[in-house]
PDB file of N, CA and C in Angstrom:
ATOM      1  N   UNK A   1     110.939 106.715 122.301  1.00  0.00           N
ATOM      2  CA  UNK A   1     110.025 105.886 121.590  1.00  0.00           C
ATOM      3  C   UNK A   1     110.024 104.281 121.955  1.00  0.00           C
ATOM      4  N   UNK A   2     108.674 104.114 121.930  1.00  0.00           N
ATOM      5  CA  UNK A   2     108.132 102.727 122.237  1.00  0.00           C
ATOM      6  C   UNK A   2     108.322 101.689 121.037  1.00  0.00           C
ATOM      7  N   UNK A   3     108.085 100.118 120.962  1.00  0.00           N
ATOM      8  CA  UNK A   3     107.994  99.548 120.369  1.00  0.00           C
ATOM      9  C   UNK A   3     106.229  98.947 120.361  1.00  0.00           C
ATOM     10  N   UNK A   4     105.392  98.938 118.974  1.00  0.00           N
ATOM     11  CA  UNK A   4     104.336  98.166 119.329  1.00  0.00           C
ATOM     12  C   UNK A   4     103.992  97.254 118.429  1.00  0.00           C
ATOM     13  N   UNK A   5     103.788  96.306 118.872  1.00  0.00           N
ATOM     14  CA  UNK A   5     102.824  95.100 117.565  1.00  0.00           C
ATOM     15  C   UNK A   5     101.813  95.177 116.952  1.00  0.00           C
ATOM     16  N   UNK A   6     101.295  95.426 116.148  1.00  0.00           N
ATOM     17  CA  UNK A   6     100.113  95.286 115.372  1.00  0.00           C
ATOM     18  C   UNK A   6      99.769  93.725 115.169  1.00  0.00           C
ATOM     19  N   UNK A   7      98.953  93.150 115.301  1.00  0.00           N
ATOM     20  CA  UNK A   7      98.275  92.016 115.237  1.00  0.00           C
ATOM     21  C   UNK A   7      96.904  91.942 114.902  1.00  0.00           C
ATOM     22  N   UNK A   8      97.181  91.384 113.557  1.00  0.00           N
ATOM     23  CA  UNK A   8      96.024  91.314 112.500  1.00  0.00           C
ATOM     24  C   UNK A   8      94.954  90.261 112.844  1.00  0.00           C
ATOM     25  N   UNK A   9      93.961  90.577 112.487  1.00  0.00           N
ATOM     26  CA  UNK A   9      92.470  89.484 112.583  1.00  0.00           C
ATOM     27  C   UNK A   9      91.619  89.869 111.821  1.00  0.00           C
ATOM     28  N   UNK A  10      91.635  88.755 110.747  1.00  0.00           N
ATOM     29  CA  UNK A  10      90.732  88.943 109.622  1.00  0.00           C
ATOM     30  C   UNK A  10      91.109  89.177 108.657  1.00  0.00           C
ATOM     31  N   UNK A  11      90.217  90.168 107.514  1.00  0.00           N
ATOM     32  CA  UNK A  11      90.968  90.355 106.067  1.00  0.00           C
ATOM     33  C   UNK A  11      90.705  89.326 105.199  1.00  0.00           C
ATOM     34  N   UNK A  12      90.643  89.257 103.841  1.00  0.00           N
ATOM     35  CA  UNK A  12      89.812  88.462 102.926  1.00  0.00           C
ATOM     36  C   UNK A  12      91.378  88.133 101.535  1.00  0.00           C
ATOM     37  N   UNK A  13      91.146  86.989 101.250  1.00  0.00           N
ATOM     38  CA  UNK A  13      91.980  86.985 100.186  1.00  0.00           C
ATOM     39  C   UNK A  13      91.597  87.816  99.125  1.00  0.00           C
ATOM     40  N   UNK A  14      92.237  88.315  97.928  1.00  0.00           N
ATOM     41  CA  UNK A  14      92.012  89.048  96.563  1.00  0.00           C
ATOM     42  C   UNK A  14      91.062  88.129  96.046  1.00  0.00           C
ATOM     43  N   UNK A  15      90.139  88.034  95.360  1.00  0.00           N
ATOM     44  CA  UNK A  15      89.266  87.733  94.275  1.00  0.00           C
ATOM     45  C   UNK A  15      89.797  87.410  92.992  1.00  0.00           C
ATOM     46  N   UNK A  16      90.557  88.690  92.603  1.00  0.00           N
ATOM     47  CA  UNK A  16      91.019  88.873  91.296  1.00  0.00           C
ATOM     48  C   UNK A  16      92.756  89.480  91.428  1.00  0.00           C
ATOM     49  N   UNK A  17      93.463  88.887  90.276  1.00  0.00           N
ATOM     50  CA  UNK A  17      95.037  89.413  90.322  1.00  0.00           C
ATOM     51  C   UNK A  17      94.901  91.108  90.331  1.00  0.00           C
ATOM     52  N   UNK A  18      93.858  91.997  89.592  1.00  0.00           N
ATOM     53  CA  UNK A  18      93.666  92.970  90.028  1.00  0.00           C
ATOM     54  C   UNK A  18      93.451  93.453  91.201  1.00  0.00           C
ATOM     55  N   UNK A  19      92.376  93.072  91.985  1.00  0.00           N
ATOM     56  CA  UNK A  19      92.074  93.140  93.389  1.00  0.00           C
ATOM     57  C   UNK A  19      93.312  92.955  94.423  1.00  0.00           C
ATOM     58  N   UNK A  20      94.222  91.961  94.024  1.00  0.00           N
ATOM     59  CA  UNK A  20      95.434  91.548  94.617  1.00  0.00           C
ATOM     60  C   UNK A  20      96.303  92.846  95.059  1.00  0.00           C
ATOM     61  N   UNK A  21      96.121  93.302  93.661  1.00  0.00           N
ATOM     62  CA  UNK A  21      97.438  94.259  93.349  1.00  0.00           C
ATOM     63  C   UNK A  21      97.221  95.760  93.840  1.00  0.00           C
ATOM     64  N   UNK A  22      95.696  95.803  93.812  1.00  0.00           N
ATOM     65  CA  UNK A  22      95.076  97.206  94.339  1.00  0.00           C
ATOM     66  C   UNK A  22      95.283  97.109  96.132  1.00  0.00           C
ATOM     67  N   UNK A  23      94.973  95.916  96.704  1.00  0.00           N
ATOM     68  CA  UNK A  23      95.336  95.917  97.957  1.00  0.00           C
ATOM     69  C   UNK A  23      97.056  96.064  98.178  1.00  0.00           C
ATOM     70  N   UNK A  24      97.726  95.451  97.727  1.00  0.00           N
ATOM     71  CA  UNK A  24      99.122  95.056  97.893  1.00  0.00           C
ATOM     72  C   UNK A  24      99.197  96.895  97.993  1.00  0.00           C
ATOM     73  N   UNK A  25      98.829  97.524  96.892  1.00  0.00           N
ATOM     74  CA  UNK A  25      99.223  98.995  96.770  1.00  0.00           C
ATOM     75  C   UNK A  25      98.709  99.753  98.042  1.00  0.00           C
ATOM     76  N   UNK A  26      97.611  99.205  98.535  1.00  0.00           N
ATOM     77  CA  UNK A  26      97.213 100.213  99.689  1.00  0.00           C
ATOM     78  C   UNK A  26      97.965  99.918 100.828  1.00  0.00           C
ATOM     79  N   UNK A  27      98.535  99.014 100.916  1.00  0.00           N
ATOM     80  CA  UNK A  27      99.451  98.168 102.356  1.00  0.00           C
ATOM     81  C   UNK A  27     100.536  99.169 102.126  1.00  0.00           C
ATOM     82  N   UNK A  28     101.126  98.856 100.708  1.00  0.00           N
ATOM     83  CA  UNK A  28     102.379 100.050 100.482  1.00  0.00           C
ATOM     84  C   UNK A  28     102.232 101.294 101.107  1.00  0.00           C
ATOM     85  N   UNK A  29     101.090 101.591 100.528  1.00  0.00           N
ATOM     86  CA  UNK A  29     100.991 103.314 100.865  1.00  0.00           C
ATOM     87  C   UNK A  29     100.967 103.389 102.393  1.00  0.00           C
ATOM     88  N   UNK A  30     100.216 102.678 102.647  1.00  0.00           N
ATOM     89  CA  UNK A  30     100.119 103.037 104.411  1.00  0.00           C
ATOM     90  C   UNK A  30     101.673 102.826 105.283  1.00  0.00           C
ATOM     91  N   UNK A  31     102.236 101.300 104.682  1.00  0.00           N
ATOM     92  CA  UNK A  31     103.800 101.264 105.285  1.00  0.00           C
ATOM     93  C   UNK A  31     104.349 102.481 105.117  1.00  0.00           C
ATOM     94  N   UNK A  32     104.729 103.298 103.366  1.00  0.00           N
ATOM     95  CA  UNK A  32     105.174 104.377 103.155  1.00  0.00           C
ATOM     96  C   UNK A  32     105.137 105.546 104.359  1.00  0.00           C
ATOM     97  N   UNK A  33     103.924 105.643 104.541  1.00  0.00           N
ATOM     98  CA  UNK A  33     103.069 106.725 105.015  1.00  0.00           C
ATOM     99  C   UNK A  33     103.454 106.873 106.091  1.00  0.00           C
ATOM    100  N   UNK A  34     104.045 105.902 106.961  1.00  0.00           N
ATOM    101  CA  UNK A  34     104.266 105.483 108.404  1.00  0.00           C
ATOM    102  C   UNK A  34     105.891 105.987 108.570  1.00  0.00           C
ATOM    103  N   UNK A  35     106.500 106.288 107.414  1.00  0.00           N
ATOM    104  CA  UNK A  35     107.745 106.489 107.776  1.00  0.00           C
ATOM    105  C   UNK A  35     108.405 105.541 108.723  1.00  0.00           C
ATOM    106  N   UNK A  36     109.365 106.546 109.424  1.00  0.00           N
ATOM    107  CA  UNK A  36     110.503 105.786 110.087  1.00  0.00           C
ATOM    108  C   UNK A  36     109.870 105.388 111.487  1.00  0.00           C
ATOM    109  N   UNK A  37     108.495 105.365 111.644  1.00  0.00           N
ATOM    110  CA  UNK A  37     107.352 104.607 112.564  1.00  0.00           C
ATOM    111  C   UNK A  37     107.225 103.306 111.828  1.00  0.00           C
ATOM    112  N   UNK A  38     107.837 102.882 110.907  1.00  0.00           N
ATOM    113  CA  UNK A  38     107.790 101.214 110.853  1.00  0.00           C
ATOM    114  C   UNK A  38     108.936 100.664 110.914  1.00  0.00           C
ATOM    115  N   UNK A  39     109.000  99.703 111.848  1.00  0.00           N
ATOM    116  CA  UNK A  39     110.091  99.269 112.330  1.00  0.00           C
ATOM    117  C   UNK A  39     110.088  98.039 111.730  1.00  0.00           C
ATOM    118  N   UNK A  40     109.160  96.968 111.547  1.00  0.00           N
ATOM    119  CA  UNK A  40     109.332  95.728 110.280  1.00  0.00           C
ATOM    120  C   UNK A  40     107.769  95.495 109.885  1.00  0.00           C
ATOM    121  N   UNK A  41     107.637  95.840 108.254  1.00  0.00           N
ATOM    122  CA  UNK A  41     106.382  95.605 108.163  1.00  0.00           C
ATOM    123  C   UNK A  41     105.843  93.949 108.416  1.00  0.00           C
ATOM    124  N   UNK A  42     106.557  93.330 108.765  1.00  0.00           N
ATOM    125  CA  UNK A  42     105.922  91.861 109.056  1.00  0.00           C
ATOM    126  C   UNK A  42     105.541  91.392 108.077  1.00  0.00           C
ATOM    127  N   UNK A  43     104.289  90.701 108.231  1.00  0.00           N
ATOM    128  CA  UNK A  43     103.541  89.991 107.053  1.00  0.00           C
ATOM    129  C   UNK A  43     102.685  89.075 107.304  1.00  0.00           C
ATOM    130  N   UNK A  44     101.974  88.288 106.642  1.00  0.00           N
ATOM    131  CA  UNK A  44     100.568  87.671 106.772  1.00  0.00           C
ATOM    132  C   UNK A  44     101.266  86.273 107.444  1.00  0.00           C
ATOM    133  N   UNK A  45     100.337  85.817 108.024  1.00  0.00           N
ATOM    134  CA  UNK A  45     100.819  84.548 108.716  1.00  0.00           C
ATOM    135  C   UNK A  45      99.855  83.140 108.098  1.00  0.00           C
ATOM    136  N   UNK A  46     100.156  81.883 108.202  1.00  0.00           N
ATOM    137  CA  UNK A  46      99.431  80.884 107.784  1.00  0.00           C
ATOM    138  C   UNK A  46      98.950  80.072 108.939  1.00  0.00           C
ATOM    139  N   UNK A  47      97.938  79.337 108.918  1.00  0.00           N
ATOM    140  CA  UNK A  47      97.434  78.489 109.948  1.00  0.00           C
ATOM    141  C   UNK A  47      98.072  78.359 111.149  1.00  0.00           C
ATOM    142  N   UNK A  48      97.589  78.669 112.270  1.00  0.00           N
ATOM    143  CA  UNK A  48      98.386  78.796 113.387  1.00  0.00           C
ATOM    144  C   UNK A  48      97.840  77.315 114.367  1.00  0.00           C
ATOM    145  N   UNK A  49      98.640  76.832 115.389  1.00  0.00           N
ATOM    146  CA  UNK A  49      98.420  75.765 116.118  1.00  0.00           C
ATOM    147  C   UNK A  49      98.382  76.276 117.696  1.00  0.00           C
ATOM    148  N   UNK A  50      97.747  76.036 118.394  1.00  0.00           N
ATOM    149  CA  UNK A  50      97.677  76.567 119.744  1.00  0.00           C
ATOM    150  C   UNK A  50      98.283  75.259 120.651  1.00  0.00           C
ATOM    151  N   UNK A  51      99.523  76.103 121.126  1.00  0.00           N
ATOM    152  CA  UNK A  51     100.314  74.980 122.371  1.00  0.00           C
ATOM    153  C   UNK A  51      99.851  75.192 123.453  1.00  0.00           C
ATOM    154  N   UNK A  52      99.593  73.948 124.338  1.00  0.00           N
ATOM    155  CA  UNK A  52      99.558  74.333 126.013  1.00  0.00           C
ATOM    156  C   UNK A  52     100.276  73.108 126.472  1.00  0.00           C
ATOM    157  N   UNK A  53     100.156  73.291 127.504  1.00  0.00           N
ATOM    158  CA  UNK A  53     100.962  72.216 128.597  1.00  0.00           C
ATOM    159  C   UNK A  53     100.564  70.878 128.348  1.00  0.00           C
ATOM    160  N   UNK A  54      99.456  70.458 127.843  1.00  0.00           N
ATOM    161  CA  UNK A  54      98.666  69.649 127.346  1.00  0.00           C
ATOM    162  C   UNK A  54      98.553  68.582 126.007  1.00  0.00           C
ATOM    163  N   UNK A  55      99.747  69.535 125.115  1.00  0.00           N
ATOM    164  CA  UNK A  55      99.841  69.424 123.715  1.00  0.00           C
ATOM    165  C   UNK A  55      99.416  70.614 122.616  1.00  0.00           C
ATOM    166  N   UNK A  56      99.265  70.421 121.643  1.00  0.00           N
ATOM    167  CA  UNK A  56      98.896  71.230 120.569  1.00  0.00           C
ATOM    168  C   UNK A  56      97.676  71.063 119.835  1.00  0.00           C
ATOM    169  N   UNK A  57      96.761  72.096 119.338  1.00  0.00           N
ATOM    170  CA  UNK A  57      96.013  71.655 118.332  1.00  0.00           C
ATOM    171  C   UNK A  57      96.011  72.454 117.275  1.00  0.00           C
ATOM    172  N   UNK A  58      95.540  72.122 116.315  1.00  0.00           N
ATOM    173  CA  UNK A  58      95.537  73.227 114.825  1.00  0.00           C
ATOM    174  C   UNK A  58      94.849  73.923 114.686  1.00  0.00           C
ATOM    175  N   UNK A  59      93.759  74.152 115.593  1.00  0.00           N
ATOM    176  CA  UNK A  59      92.858  75.598 115.967  1.00  0.00           C
ATOM    177  C   UNK A  59      92.489  76.509 115.786  1.00  0.00           C
ATOM    178  N   UNK A  60      94.043  77.027 116.129  1.00  0.00           N
ATOM    179  CA  UNK A  60      94.331  78.599 116.155  1.00  0.00           C
ATOM    180  C   UNK A  60      93.687  79.342 116.821  1.00  0.00           C
ATOM    181  N   UNK A  61      93.000  78.941 117.685  1.00  0.00           N
ATOM    182  CA  UNK A  61      92.338  79.824 118.799  1.00  0.00           C
ATOM    183  C   UNK A  61      91.184  80.429 118.570  1.00  0.00           C
ATOM    184  N   UNK A  62      90.559  81.147 119.286  1.00  0.00           N
ATOM    185  CA  UNK A  62      89.189  81.603 118.871  1.00  0.00           C
ATOM    186  C   UNK A  62      89.340  82.745 117.995  1.00  0.00           C
ATOM    187  N   UNK A  63      90.148  83.680 117.960  1.00  0.00           N
ATOM    188  CA  UNK A  63      90.641  84.613 116.889  1.00  0.00           C
ATOM    189  C   UNK A  63      92.044  84.777 116.756  1.00  0.00           C
ATOM    190  N   UNK A  64      92.068  83.375 115.645  1.00  0.00           N
ATOM    191  CA  UNK A  64      93.737  83.586 114.731  1.00  0.00           C
ATOM    192  C   UNK A  64      94.384  84.912 114.583  1.00  0.00           C
ATOM    193  N   UNK A  65      95.423  84.705 114.643  1.00  0.00           N
ATOM    194  CA  UNK A  65      96.262  86.214 114.010  1.00  0.00           C
ATOM    195  C   UNK A  65      96.292  85.881 112.378  1.00  0.00           C
ATOM    196  N   UNK A  66      96.300  86.669 111.533  1.00  0.00           N
ATOM    197  CA  UNK A  66      96.392  86.763 110.187  1.00  0.00           C
ATOM    198  C   UNK A  66      97.487  87.735 109.769  1.00  0.00           C
ATOM    199  N   UNK A  67      98.343  88.309 110.737  1.00  0.00           N
ATOM    200  CA  UNK A  67      99.281  88.675 110.406  1.00  0.00           C
ATOM    201  C   UNK A  67      99.996  89.756 111.475  1.00  0.00           C
ATOM    202  N   UNK A  68     100.960  90.451 111.233  1.00  0.00           N
ATOM    203  CA  UNK A  68     101.331  91.265 112.144  1.00  0.00           C
ATOM    204  C   UNK A  68     102.876  92.344 111.811  1.00  0.00           C
ATOM    205  N   UNK A  69     102.329  93.476 111.891  1.00  0.00           N
ATOM    206  CA  UNK A  69     103.896  94.563 111.878  1.00  0.00           C
ATOM    207  C   UNK A  69     104.340  95.368 113.372  1.00  0.00           C
ATOM    208  N   UNK A  70     105.409  95.549 113.145  1.00  0.00           N
ATOM    209  CA  UNK A  70     106.339  96.322 114.317  1.00  0.00           C
ATOM    210  C   UNK A  70     106.427  97.955 113.965  1.00  0.00           C
ATOM    211  N   UNK A  71     105.594  98.667 114.635  1.00  0.00           N
ATOM    212  CA  UNK A  71     106.109  99.604 114.654  1.00  0.00           C
ATOM    213  C   UNK A  71     106.721 100.478 115.976  1.00  0.00           C
ATOM    214  N   UNK A  72     107.239 102.028 115.468  1.00  0.00           N
ATOM    215  CA  UNK A  72     107.890 102.774 116.359  1.00  0.00           C
ATOM    216  C   UNK A  72     106.988 104.014 116.761  1.00  0.00           C
ATOM    217  N   UNK A  73     106.392 104.241 118.191  1.00  0.00           N
ATOM    218  CA  UNK A  73     105.390 105.155 118.486  1.00  0.00           C
ATOM    219  C   UNK A  73     105.945 105.846 119.688  1.00  0.00           C
ATOM    220  N   UNK A  74     105.311 107.134 120.170  1.00  0.00           N
ATOM    221  CA  UNK A  74     105.901 107.439 121.527  1.00  0.00           C
ATOM    222  C   UNK A  74     104.849 106.975 122.466  1.00  0.00           C
ATOM    223  N   UNK A  75     103.738 106.709 121.827  1.00  0.00           N
ATOM    224  CA  UNK A  75     102.597 105.977 123.131  1.00  0.00           C
ATOM    225  C   UNK A  75     101.366 105.183 122.814  1.00  0.00           C
ATOM    226  N   UNK A  76     100.908 104.908 123.216  1.00  0.00           N
ATOM    227  CA  UNK A  76      99.546 104.127 122.630  1.00  0.00           C
ATOM    228  C   UNK A  76      98.815 105.089 121.999  1.00  0.00           C
ATOM    229  N   UNK A  77      98.404 106.301 122.053  1.00  0.00           N
ATOM    230  CA  UNK A  77      97.435 107.048 121.073  1.00  0.00           C
ATOM    231  C   UNK A  77      98.173 107.188 119.671  1.00  0.00           C
ATOM    232  N   UNK A  78      99.541 107.627 119.846  1.00  0.00           N
ATOM    233  CA  UNK A  78     100.052 107.418 118.571  1.00  0.00           C
ATOM    234  C   UNK A  78     100.196 106.063 117.422  1.00  0.00           C
ATOM    235  N   UNK A  79     100.651 105.354 118.413  1.00  0.00           N
ATOM    236  CA  UNK A  79     100.340 103.729 117.718  1.00  0.00           C
ATOM    237  C   UNK A  79      99.126 103.503 117.086  1.00  0.00           C
ATOM    238  N   UNK A  80      98.050 103.880 118.236  1.00  0.00           N
ATOM    239  CA  UNK A  80      96.798 103.661 117.650  1.00  0.00           C
ATOM    240  C   UNK A  80      95.985 104.490 116.218  1.00  0.00           C
ATOM    241  N   UNK A  81      96.595 105.438 116.240  1.00  0.00           N
ATOM    242  CA  UNK A  81      96.538 106.637 114.640  1.00  0.00           C
ATOM    243  C   UNK A  81      96.922 106.192 114.174  1.00  0.00           C
ATOM    244  N   UNK A  82      98.195 105.528 114.229  1.00  0.00           N
ATOM    245  CA  UNK A  82      98.738 104.466 112.595  1.00  0.00           C
ATOM    246  C   UNK A  82      98.153 103.392 112.431  1.00  0.00           C
ATOM    247  N   UNK A  83      97.570 102.479 113.259  1.00  0.00           N
ATOM    248  CA  UNK A  83      96.737 101.440 112.908  1.00  0.00           C
ATOM    249  C   UNK A  83      95.261 101.519 112.385  1.00  0.00           C
ATOM    250  N   UNK A  84      94.798 102.826 112.721  1.00  0.00           N
ATOM    251  CA  UNK A  84      93.662 103.220 111.953  1.00  0.00           C
ATOM    252  C   UNK A  84      93.500 103.308 110.685  1.00  0.00           C
ATOM    253  N   UNK A  85      94.947 103.760 110.175  1.00  0.00           N
ATOM    254  CA  UNK A  85      95.326 103.813 108.992  1.00  0.00           C
ATOM    255  C   UNK A  85      95.302 102.234 107.860  1.00  0.00           C
ATOM    256  N   UNK A  86      95.252 101.351 108.802  1.00  0.00           N
ATOM    257  CA  UNK A  86      95.642  99.791 108.282  1.00  0.00           C
ATOM    258  C   UNK A  86      94.412  99.910 107.133  1.00  0.00           C
ATOM    259  N   UNK A  87      94.859  99.103 105.907  1.00  0.00           N
ATOM    260  CA  UNK A  87      93.492  98.852 104.928  1.00  0.00           C
ATOM    261  C   UNK A  87      92.475  97.873 105.414  1.00  0.00           C
ATOM    262  N   UNK A  88      92.672  97.121 106.312  1.00  0.00           N
ATOM    263  CA  UNK A  88      92.076  96.120 106.869  1.00  0.00           C
ATOM    264  C   UNK A  88      90.653  96.823 107.643  1.00  0.00           C
ATOM    265  N   UNK A  89      90.986  97.996 108.320  1.00  0.00           N
ATOM    266  CA  UNK A  89      90.301  98.847 109.461  1.00  0.00           C
ATOM    267  C   UNK A  89      89.306  99.382 108.400  1.00  0.00           C
ATOM    268  N   UNK A  90      90.127 100.208 107.582  1.00  0.00           N
ATOM    269  CA  UNK A  90      89.527 100.985 106.666  1.00  0.00           C
ATOM    270  C   UNK A  90      88.471 100.365 105.954  1.00  0.00           C
ATOM    271  N   UNK A  91      88.632  99.024 105.472  1.00  0.00           N
ATOM    272  CA  UNK A  91      87.365  98.589 104.584  1.00  0.00           C
ATOM    273  C   UNK A  91      86.724  97.540 105.188  1.00  0.00           C
ATOM    274  N   UNK A  92      86.951  97.327 106.551  1.00  0.00           N
ATOM    275  CA  UNK A  92      85.885  96.697 107.289  1.00  0.00           C
ATOM    276  C   UNK A  92      86.313  95.336 107.736  1.00  0.00           C
ATOM    277  N   UNK A  93      87.129  94.826 106.651  1.00  0.00           N
ATOM    278  CA  UNK A  93      86.892  92.978 106.701  1.00  0.00           C
ATOM    279  C   UNK A  93      88.128  92.866 107.781  1.00  0.00           C
ATOM    280  N   UNK A  94      88.709  93.778 108.510  1.00  0.00           N
ATOM    281  CA  UNK A  94      89.452  93.435 109.834  1.00  0.00           C
ATOM    282  C   UNK A  94      89.694  94.011 110.828  1.00  0.00           C
ATOM    283  N   UNK A  95      90.356  93.754 112.127  1.00  0.00           N
ATOM    284  CA  UNK A  95      90.679  94.448 113.044  1.00  0.00           C
ATOM    285  C   UNK A  95      92.439  94.757 113.490  1.00  0.00           C
ATOM    286  N   UNK A  96      92.640  95.458 114.407  1.00  0.00           N
ATOM    287  CA  UNK A  96      94.240  95.334 114.632  1.00  0.00           C
ATOM    288  C   UNK A  96      94.138  95.514 116.269  1.00  0.00           C
ATOM    289  N   UNK A  97      94.865  94.616 116.713  1.00  0.00           N
ATOM    290  CA  UNK A  97      95.280  94.666 118.133  1.00  0.00           C
ATOM    291  C   UNK A  97      96.507  95.252 118.266  1.00  0.00           C
ATOM    292  N   UNK A  98      96.872  96.024 119.311  1.00  0.00           N
ATOM    293  CA  UNK A  98      97.781  97.196 119.376  1.00  0.00           C
ATOM    294  C   UNK A  98      98.504  96.762 120.853  1.00  0.00           C
ATOM    295  N   UNK A  99      99.449  96.401 120.575  1.00  0.00           N
ATOM    296  CA  UNK A  99     100.565  95.559 122.411  1.00  0.00           C
ATOM    297  C   UNK A  99     101.676  96.610 122.016  1.00  0.00           C
ATOM    298  N   UNK A 100     101.757  96.760 123.292  1.00  0.00           N
ATOM    299  CA  UNK A 100     103.260  97.909 123.309  1.00  0.00           C
ATOM    300  C   UNK A 100     103.968  96.330 124.016  1.00  0.00           C
ATOM    301  N   UNK A 101     105.874  96.376 123.221  1.00  0.00           N
ATOM    302  CA  UNK A 101     106.485  95.375 123.303  1.00  0.00           C
ATOM    303  C   UNK A 101     107.383  95.976 124.330  1.00  0.00           C
ATOM    304  N   UNK A 102     107.236  95.492 125.181  1.00  0.00           N
ATOM    305  CA  UNK A 102     107.988  95.815 126.855  1.00  0.00           C
ATOM    306  C   UNK A 102     109.402  95.049 126.447  1.00  0.00           C
ATOM    307  N   UNK A 103     109.997  96.256 127.061  1.00  0.00           N
ATOM    308  CA  UNK A 103     111.550  96.190 127.313  1.00  0.00           C
ATOM    309  C   UNK A 103     111.900  94.854 128.348  1.00  0.00           C
ATOM    310  N   UNK A 104     112.891  94.140 128.098  1.00  0.00           N
ATOM    311  CA  UNK A 104     112.631  92.865 129.380  1.00  0.00           C
ATOM    312  C   UNK A 104     114.616  93.260 129.814  1.00  0.00           C
TER     313      UNK A 104
END
């Protein structure tokens, strides 16, 4: 079984406490539905900084990451199928990059 990282881009902040509870319930149900496929639920991230040989900037790059999750899956098609259930993908507010974590 391989490990894959889901890097989230986009999403939105809830506009009310009720919406926040609903969104958290959707994420919880998605995670629960993955069962043993969920290796690390990860979490949202704050503003990012880009570091290069010339220094750093607080711009976060062209498409900053808004969060991450680590999953176990047999292959890319299985990982992509898991990612398609992401609440941000389903509601159209964001997208998920799927990348295999390579053994070193």
